[in-house]
């Protein structure tokens, strides 16, 4: 599922990722980075099932290291996703 921002001037597009520490976790869609290309910390969780959500929380809390390698191009071949 893609994120769709308001069409009129995209007023609900997040403007703060470069100003405030932000983390975007993508559950069940490894291609969300194209919808929030300016976010500095992007985590692909790949699934929205409870074990994946718990694993993502363990990693965020430092109880488990991030060690996965993306099997897909999360950058979607777009230059503005490589900030």
PDB file of N, CA and C in Angstrom:
ATOM      1  N   UNK A   1       0.838  -1.172   0.000  1.00  0.00           N
ATOM      2  CA  UNK A   1       0.000   0.000   0.000  1.00  0.00           C
ATOM      3  C   UNK A   1       0.887   1.241   0.000  1.00  0.00           C
ATOM      4  N   UNK A   2       0.587   2.181  -0.859  1.00  0.00           N
ATOM      5  CA  UNK A   2       1.362   3.420  -0.955  1.00  0.00           C
ATOM      6  C   UNK A   2       0.765   4.493  -0.056  1.00  0.00           C
ATOM      7  N   UNK A   3       1.577   5.454   0.304  1.00  0.00           N
ATOM      8  CA  UNK A   3       1.102   6.618   1.052  1.00  0.00           C
ATOM      9  C   UNK A   3       0.685   7.670   0.037  1.00  0.00           C
ATOM     10  N   UNK A   4      -0.467   8.235   0.219  1.00  0.00           N
ATOM     11  CA  UNK A   4      -0.941   9.284  -0.680  1.00  0.00           C
ATOM     12  C   UNK A   4      -1.183  10.548   0.122  1.00  0.00           C
ATOM     13  N   UNK A   5      -0.469  11.602  -0.246  1.00  0.00           N
ATOM     14  CA  UNK A   5      -0.587  12.878   0.434  1.00  0.00           C
ATOM     15  C   UNK A   5      -1.678  13.697  -0.239  1.00  0.00           C
ATOM     16  N   UNK A   6      -2.187  14.712   0.431  1.00  0.00           N
ATOM     17  CA  UNK A   6      -3.230  15.573  -0.125  1.00  0.00           C
ATOM     18  C   UNK A   6      -2.754  16.163  -1.443  1.00  0.00           C
ATOM     19  N   UNK A   7      -3.628  16.184  -2.404  1.00  0.00           N
ATOM     20  CA  UNK A   7      -3.246  16.684  -3.725  1.00  0.00           C
ATOM     21  C   UNK A   7      -3.036  18.196  -3.726  1.00  0.00           C
ATOM     22  N   UNK A   8      -3.832  18.926  -2.984  1.00  0.00           N
ATOM     23  CA  UNK A   8      -3.709  20.378  -3.001  1.00  0.00           C
ATOM     24  C   UNK A   8      -2.478  20.820  -2.213  1.00  0.00           C
ATOM     25  N   UNK A   9      -1.431  21.109  -2.888  1.00  0.00           N
ATOM     26  CA  UNK A   9      -0.173  21.593  -2.316  1.00  0.00           C
ATOM     27  C   UNK A   9       0.505  20.605  -1.375  1.00  0.00           C
ATOM     28  N   UNK A  10       0.018  19.388  -1.314  1.00  0.00           N
ATOM     29  CA  UNK A  10       0.609  18.345  -0.465  1.00  0.00           C
ATOM     30  C   UNK A  10       0.835  18.861   0.959  1.00  0.00           C
ATOM     31  N   UNK A  11      -0.158  19.478   1.527  1.00  0.00           N
ATOM     32  CA  UNK A  11      -0.022  20.113   2.841  1.00  0.00           C
ATOM     33  C   UNK A  11       0.253  19.138   3.972  1.00  0.00           C
ATOM     34  N   UNK A  12      -0.094  17.877   3.795  1.00  0.00           N
ATOM     35  CA  UNK A  12       0.157  16.937   4.885  1.00  0.00           C
ATOM     36  C   UNK A  12       1.451  16.141   4.710  1.00  0.00           C
ATOM     37  N   UNK A  13       2.250  16.449   3.702  1.00  0.00           N
ATOM     38  CA  UNK A  13       3.541  15.794   3.532  1.00  0.00           C
ATOM     39  C   UNK A  13       4.438  16.223   4.691  1.00  0.00           C
ATOM     40  N   UNK A  14       5.084  15.267   5.362  1.00  0.00           N
ATOM     41  CA  UNK A  14       5.940  15.658   6.486  1.00  0.00           C
ATOM     42  C   UNK A  14       7.095  16.548   6.039  1.00  0.00           C
ATOM     43  N   UNK A  15       7.227  17.682   6.678  1.00  0.00           N
ATOM     44  CA  UNK A  15       8.283  18.630   6.333  1.00  0.00           C
ATOM     45  C   UNK A  15       9.408  18.637   7.374  1.00  0.00           C
ATOM     46  N   UNK A  16       9.232  17.910   8.429  1.00  0.00           N
ATOM     47  CA  UNK A  16      10.166  17.968   9.550  1.00  0.00           C
ATOM     48  C   UNK A  16      11.322  16.978   9.525  1.00  0.00           C
ATOM     49  N   UNK A  17      11.395  15.994   8.645  1.00  0.00           N
ATOM     50  CA  UNK A  17      12.450  14.984   8.786  1.00  0.00           C
ATOM     51  C   UNK A  17      13.875  15.516   8.786  1.00  0.00           C
ATOM     52  N   UNK A  18      14.116  16.663   8.177  1.00  0.00           N
ATOM     53  CA  UNK A  18      15.471  17.206   8.200  1.00  0.00           C
ATOM     54  C   UNK A  18      15.718  18.080   9.429  1.00  0.00           C
ATOM     55  N   UNK A  19      14.657  18.428  10.140  1.00  0.00           N
ATOM     56  CA  UNK A  19      14.783  19.312  11.295  1.00  0.00           C
ATOM     57  C   UNK A  19      14.648  18.588  12.629  1.00  0.00           C
ATOM     58  N   UNK A  20      13.852  17.539  12.665  1.00  0.00           N
ATOM     59  CA  UNK A  20      13.619  16.761  13.875  1.00  0.00           C
ATOM     60  C   UNK A  20      14.116  15.337  13.661  1.00  0.00           C
ATOM     61  N   UNK A  21      14.680  14.700  14.681  1.00  0.00           N
ATOM     62  CA  UNK A  21      15.062  13.301  14.526  1.00  0.00           C
ATOM     63  C   UNK A  21      13.823  12.469  14.210  1.00  0.00           C
ATOM     64  N   UNK A  22      13.846  11.782  13.087  1.00  0.00           N
ATOM     65  CA  UNK A  22      12.684  11.017  12.634  1.00  0.00           C
ATOM     66  C   UNK A  22      13.101   9.623  12.195  1.00  0.00           C
ATOM     67  N   UNK A  23      12.224   8.671  12.451  1.00  0.00           N
ATOM     68  CA  UNK A  23      12.422   7.292  12.010  1.00  0.00           C
ATOM     69  C   UNK A  23      11.145   6.872  11.301  1.00  0.00           C
ATOM     70  N   UNK A  24      11.282   6.285  10.133  1.00  0.00           N
ATOM     71  CA  UNK A  24      10.127   5.752   9.409  1.00  0.00           C
ATOM     72  C   UNK A  24      10.311   4.246   9.332  1.00  0.00           C
ATOM     73  N   UNK A  25       9.340   3.497   9.851  1.00  0.00           N
ATOM     74  CA  UNK A  25       9.385   2.040   9.772  1.00  0.00           C
ATOM     75  C   UNK A  25       8.315   1.603   8.794  1.00  0.00           C
ATOM     76  N   UNK A  26       8.736   0.900   7.769  1.00  0.00           N
ATOM     77  CA  UNK A  26       7.817   0.424   6.749  1.00  0.00           C
ATOM     78  C   UNK A  26       7.456  -1.028   7.042  1.00  0.00           C
ATOM     79  N   UNK A  27       6.210  -1.255   7.401  1.00  0.00           N
ATOM     80  CA  UNK A  27       5.710  -2.604   7.626  1.00  0.00           C
ATOM     81  C   UNK A  27       4.912  -3.034   6.404  1.00  0.00           C
ATOM     82  N   UNK A  28       5.232  -4.209   5.861  1.00  0.00           N
ATOM     83  CA  UNK A  28       4.482  -4.829   4.770  1.00  0.00           C
ATOM     84  C   UNK A  28       4.666  -4.173   3.403  1.00  0.00           C
ATOM     85  N   UNK A  29       5.574  -3.220   3.273  1.00  0.00           N
ATOM     86  CA  UNK A  29       5.858  -2.632   1.966  1.00  0.00           C
ATOM     87  C   UNK A  29       7.280  -2.095   1.965  1.00  0.00           C
ATOM     88  N   UNK A  30       8.215  -2.742   1.282  1.00  0.00           N
ATOM     89  CA  UNK A  30       9.597  -2.282   1.303  1.00  0.00           C
ATOM     90  C   UNK A  30       9.860  -1.062   0.428  1.00  0.00           C
ATOM     91  N   UNK A  31       8.834  -0.515  -0.208  1.00  0.00           N
ATOM     92  CA  UNK A  31       9.028   0.602  -1.136  1.00  0.00           C
ATOM     93  C   UNK A  31       8.464   1.930  -0.640  1.00  0.00           C
ATOM     94  N   UNK A  32       8.206   2.071   0.646  1.00  0.00           N
ATOM     95  CA  UNK A  32       7.657   3.318   1.175  1.00  0.00           C
ATOM     96  C   UNK A  32       8.641   4.486   1.086  1.00  0.00           C
ATOM     97  N   UNK A  33       9.913   4.221   0.937  1.00  0.00           N
ATOM     98  CA  UNK A  33      10.887   5.309   0.898  1.00  0.00           C
ATOM     99  C   UNK A  33      10.592   6.281  -0.245  1.00  0.00           C
ATOM    100  N   UNK A  34      10.001   5.812  -1.321  1.00  0.00           N
ATOM    101  CA  UNK A  34       9.657   6.721  -2.412  1.00  0.00           C
ATOM    102  C   UNK A  34       8.563   7.707  -2.002  1.00  0.00           C
ATOM    103  N   UNK A  35       7.809   7.401  -0.961  1.00  0.00           N
ATOM    104  CA  UNK A  35       6.766   8.306  -0.475  1.00  0.00           C
ATOM    105  C   UNK A  35       7.271   9.276   0.584  1.00  0.00           C
ATOM    106  N   UNK A  36       8.376   8.964   1.234  1.00  0.00           N
ATOM    107  CA  UNK A  36       8.987   9.839   2.244  1.00  0.00           C
ATOM    108  C   UNK A  36      10.497   9.911   1.981  1.00  0.00           C
ATOM    109  N   UNK A  37      10.892  10.424   0.825  1.00  0.00           N
ATOM    110  CA  UNK A  37      12.302  10.361   0.422  1.00  0.00           C
ATOM    111  C   UNK A  37      13.260  11.165   1.282  1.00  0.00           C
ATOM    112  N   UNK A  38      12.782  12.098   2.060  1.00  0.00           N
ATOM    113  CA  UNK A  38      13.689  12.935   2.855  1.00  0.00           C
ATOM    114  C   UNK A  38      13.958  12.419   4.259  1.00  0.00           C
ATOM    115  N   UNK A  39      13.296  11.356   4.645  1.00  0.00           N
ATOM    116  CA  UNK A  39      13.522  10.826   5.986  1.00  0.00           C
ATOM    117  C   UNK A  39      14.938  10.237   6.057  1.00  0.00           C
ATOM    118  N   UNK A  40      15.647  10.521   7.139  1.00  0.00           N
ATOM    119  CA  UNK A  40      17.046  10.074   7.242  1.00  0.00           C
ATOM    120  C   UNK A  40      17.187   8.649   7.748  1.00  0.00           C
ATOM    121  N   UNK A  41      16.252   8.181   8.555  1.00  0.00           N
ATOM    122  CA  UNK A  41      16.314   6.819   9.078  1.00  0.00           C
ATOM    123  C   UNK A  41      15.084   6.062   8.615  1.00  0.00           C
ATOM    124  N   UNK A  42      15.320   5.080   7.775  1.00  0.00           N
ATOM    125  CA  UNK A  42      14.240   4.300   7.175  1.00  0.00           C
ATOM    126  C   UNK A  42      14.505   2.833   7.469  1.00  0.00           C
ATOM    127  N   UNK A  43      13.528   2.149   8.037  1.00  0.00           N
ATOM    128  CA  UNK A  43      13.676   0.740   8.400  1.00  0.00           C
ATOM    129  C   UNK A  43      12.626  -0.065   7.649  1.00  0.00           C
ATOM    130  N   UNK A  44      13.074  -1.070   6.919  1.00  0.00           N
ATOM    131  CA  UNK A  44      12.159  -1.983   6.242  1.00  0.00           C
ATOM    132  C   UNK A  44      11.879  -3.163   7.155  1.00  0.00           C
ATOM    133  N   UNK A  45      10.627  -3.335   7.543  1.00  0.00           N
ATOM    134  CA  UNK A  45      10.262  -4.478   8.373  1.00  0.00           C
ATOM    135  C   UNK A  45       9.616  -5.591   7.551  1.00  0.00           C
ATOM    136  N   UNK A  46       9.210  -5.283   6.321  1.00  0.00           N
ATOM    137  CA  UNK A  46       8.716  -6.258   5.333  1.00  0.00           C
ATOM    138  C   UNK A  46       7.399  -6.920   5.644  1.00  0.00           C
ATOM    139  N   UNK A  47       6.991  -7.020   6.873  1.00  0.00           N
ATOM    140  CA  UNK A  47       5.770  -7.736   7.223  1.00  0.00           C
ATOM    141  C   UNK A  47       5.088  -6.984   8.360  1.00  0.00           C
ATOM    142  N   UNK A  48       3.785  -7.135   8.441  1.00  0.00           N
ATOM    143  CA  UNK A  48       3.063  -6.451   9.517  1.00  0.00           C
ATOM    144  C   UNK A  48       2.562  -7.431  10.575  1.00  0.00           C
ATOM    145  N   UNK A  49       3.131  -8.624  10.577  1.00  0.00           N
ATOM    146  CA  UNK A  49       2.730  -9.615  11.580  1.00  0.00           C
ATOM    147  C   UNK A  49       3.404  -9.324  12.918  1.00  0.00           C
ATOM    148  N   UNK A  50       2.779  -9.748  13.969  1.00  0.00           N
ATOM    149  CA  UNK A  50       3.242  -9.446  15.326  1.00  0.00           C
ATOM    150  C   UNK A  50       4.727  -9.773  15.561  1.00  0.00           C
ATOM    151  N   UNK A  51       5.238 -10.928  15.130  1.00  0.00           N
ATOM    152  CA  UNK A  51       6.667 -11.198  15.367  1.00  0.00           C
ATOM    153  C   UNK A  51       7.589 -10.167  14.707  1.00  0.00           C
ATOM    154  N   UNK A  52       7.203  -9.646  13.553  1.00  0.00           N
ATOM    155  CA  UNK A  52       8.037  -8.639  12.886  1.00  0.00           C
ATOM    156  C   UNK A  52       7.972  -7.311  13.629  1.00  0.00           C
ATOM    157  N   UNK A  53       6.804  -6.959  14.118  1.00  0.00           N
ATOM    158  CA  UNK A  53       6.664  -5.724  14.889  1.00  0.00           C
ATOM    159  C   UNK A  53       7.486  -5.822  16.173  1.00  0.00           C
ATOM    160  N   UNK A  54       7.430  -6.965  16.844  1.00  0.00           N
ATOM    161  CA  UNK A  54       8.220  -7.167  18.064  1.00  0.00           C
ATOM    162  C   UNK A  54       9.715  -7.144  17.760  1.00  0.00           C
ATOM    163  N   UNK A  55      10.123  -7.733  16.632  1.00  0.00           N
ATOM    164  CA  UNK A  55      11.547  -7.725  16.247  1.00  0.00           C
ATOM    165  C   UNK A  55      12.012  -6.300  15.970  1.00  0.00           C
ATOM    166  N   UNK A  56      11.178  -5.500  15.304  1.00  0.00           N
ATOM    167  CA  UNK A  56      11.538  -4.106  15.025  1.00  0.00           C
ATOM    168  C   UNK A  56      11.695  -3.332  16.334  1.00  0.00           C
ATOM    169  N   UNK A  57      10.803  -3.559  17.279  1.00  0.00           N
ATOM    170  CA  UNK A  57      10.912  -2.895  18.584  1.00  0.00           C
ATOM    171  C   UNK A  57      12.173  -3.325  19.324  1.00  0.00           C
ATOM    172  N   UNK A  58      12.512  -4.626  19.265  1.00  0.00           N
ATOM    173  CA  UNK A  58      13.748  -5.105  19.901  1.00  0.00           C
ATOM    174  C   UNK A  58      14.962  -4.400  19.320  1.00  0.00           C
ATOM    175  N   UNK A  59      14.973  -4.202  18.029  1.00  0.00           N
ATOM    176  CA  UNK A  59      16.103  -3.531  17.386  1.00  0.00           C
ATOM    177  C   UNK A  59      16.156  -2.056  17.761  1.00  0.00           C
ATOM    178  N   UNK A  60      15.010  -1.399  17.780  1.00  0.00           N
ATOM    179  CA  UNK A  60      14.977   0.008  18.168  1.00  0.00           C
ATOM    180  C   UNK A  60      15.398   0.213  19.619  1.00  0.00           C
ATOM    181  N   UNK A  61      15.089  -0.748  20.482  1.00  0.00           N
ATOM    182  CA  UNK A  61      15.437  -0.650  21.896  1.00  0.00           C
ATOM    183  C   UNK A  61      16.871  -1.113  22.176  1.00  0.00           C
ATOM    184  N   UNK A  62      17.566  -1.605  21.150  1.00  0.00           N
ATOM    185  CA  UNK A  62      18.947  -2.039  21.324  1.00  0.00           C
ATOM    186  C   UNK A  62      19.098  -3.445  21.862  1.00  0.00           C
ATOM    187  N   UNK A  63      18.017  -4.204  21.907  1.00  0.00           N
ATOM    188  CA  UNK A  63      18.086  -5.576  22.418  1.00  0.00           C
ATOM    189  C   UNK A  63      18.546  -6.563  21.346  1.00  0.00           C
ATOM    190  N   UNK A  64      18.578  -6.127  20.113  1.00  0.00           N
ATOM    191  CA  UNK A  64      18.972  -6.973  18.992  1.00  0.00           C
ATOM    192  C   UNK A  64      19.594  -6.077  17.932  1.00  0.00           C
ATOM    193  N   UNK A  65      20.687  -6.505  17.309  1.00  0.00           N
ATOM    194  CA  UNK A  65      21.331  -5.646  16.301  1.00  0.00           C
ATOM    195  C   UNK A  65      20.591  -5.679  14.965  1.00  0.00           C
ATOM    196  N   UNK A  66      20.713  -4.578  14.220  1.00  0.00           N
ATOM    197  CA  UNK A  66      20.247  -4.553  12.840  1.00  0.00           C
ATOM    198  C   UNK A  66      21.309  -5.267  12.016  1.00  0.00           C
ATOM    199  N   UNK A  67      20.959  -6.341  11.340  1.00  0.00           N
ATOM    200  CA  UNK A  67      21.960  -7.060  10.561  1.00  0.00           C
ATOM    201  C   UNK A  67      21.428  -7.561   9.223  1.00  0.00           C
ATOM    202  N   UNK A  68      20.200  -7.243   8.906  1.00  0.00           N
ATOM    203  CA  UNK A  68      19.612  -7.702   7.652  1.00  0.00           C
ATOM    204  C   UNK A  68      20.127  -6.946   6.443  1.00  0.00           C
ATOM    205  N   UNK A  69      19.962  -7.551   5.299  1.00  0.00           N
ATOM    206  CA  UNK A  69      20.327  -6.939   4.024  1.00  0.00           C
ATOM    207  C   UNK A  69      19.074  -6.944   3.154  1.00  0.00           C
ATOM    208  N   UNK A  70      18.760  -5.811   2.598  1.00  0.00           N
ATOM    209  CA  UNK A  70      17.545  -5.702   1.796  1.00  0.00           C
ATOM    210  C   UNK A  70      17.639  -6.539   0.527  1.00  0.00           C
ATOM    211  N   UNK A  71      16.644  -7.395   0.281  1.00  0.00           N
ATOM    212  CA  UNK A  71      16.648  -8.181  -0.951  1.00  0.00           C
ATOM    213  C   UNK A  71      16.079  -7.395  -2.136  1.00  0.00           C
ATOM    214  N   UNK A  72      15.596  -6.182  -1.892  1.00  0.00           N
ATOM    215  CA  UNK A  72      15.042  -5.343  -2.954  1.00  0.00           C
ATOM    216  C   UNK A  72      15.688  -3.961  -2.890  1.00  0.00           C
ATOM    217  N   UNK A  73      15.512  -3.186  -3.934  1.00  0.00           N
ATOM    218  CA  UNK A  73      16.019  -1.815  -3.966  1.00  0.00           C
ATOM    219  C   UNK A  73      15.014  -0.896  -3.275  1.00  0.00           C
ATOM    220  N   UNK A  74      15.204  -0.676  -1.995  1.00  0.00           N
ATOM    221  CA  UNK A  74      14.287   0.189  -1.238  1.00  0.00           C
ATOM    222  C   UNK A  74      14.348   1.629  -1.732  1.00  0.00           C
ATOM    223  N   UNK A  75      15.429   1.997  -2.412  1.00  0.00           N
ATOM    224  CA  UNK A  75      15.577   3.346  -2.953  1.00  0.00           C
ATOM    225  C   UNK A  75      14.781   3.527  -4.242  1.00  0.00           C
ATOM    226  N   UNK A  76      14.252   2.431  -4.758  1.00  0.00           N
ATOM    227  CA  UNK A  76      13.391   2.437  -5.949  1.00  0.00           C
ATOM    228  C   UNK A  76      14.063   3.089  -7.156  1.00  0.00           C
ATOM    229  N   UNK A  77      15.388   3.119  -7.163  1.00  0.00           N
ATOM    230  CA  UNK A  77      16.107   3.716  -8.276  1.00  0.00           C
ATOM    231  C   UNK A  77      15.972   5.225  -8.362  1.00  0.00           C
ATOM    232  N   UNK A  78      15.470   5.850  -7.315  1.00  0.00           N
ATOM    233  CA  UNK A  78      15.237   7.299  -7.317  1.00  0.00           C
ATOM    234  C   UNK A  78      16.392   8.040  -6.656  1.00  0.00           C
ATOM    235  N   UNK A  79      16.935   9.065  -7.312  1.00  0.00           N
ATOM    236  CA  UNK A  79      18.081   9.777  -6.738  1.00  0.00           C
ATOM    237  C   UNK A  79      17.758  10.549  -5.453  1.00  0.00           C
ATOM    238  N   UNK A  80      16.524  11.029  -5.295  1.00  0.00           N
ATOM    239  CA  UNK A  80      16.212  11.832  -4.106  1.00  0.00           C
ATOM    240  C   UNK A  80      16.003  11.002  -2.854  1.00  0.00           C
ATOM    241  N   UNK A  81      16.042   9.681  -2.963  1.00  0.00           N
ATOM    242  CA  UNK A  81      15.925   8.837  -1.775  1.00  0.00           C
ATOM    243  C   UNK A  81      17.289   8.548  -1.139  1.00  0.00           C
ATOM    244  N   UNK A  82      18.357   9.027  -1.743  1.00  0.00           N
ATOM    245  CA  UNK A  82      19.721   8.795  -1.238  1.00  0.00           C
ATOM    246  C   UNK A  82      20.259  10.043  -0.534  1.00  0.00           C
ATOM    247  N   UNK A  83      19.555  10.553   0.445  1.00  0.00           N
ATOM    248  CA  UNK A  83      20.037  11.762   1.165  1.00  0.00           C
ATOM    249  C   UNK A  83      21.057  11.411   2.205  1.00  0.00           C
TER     250      UNK A  83
END
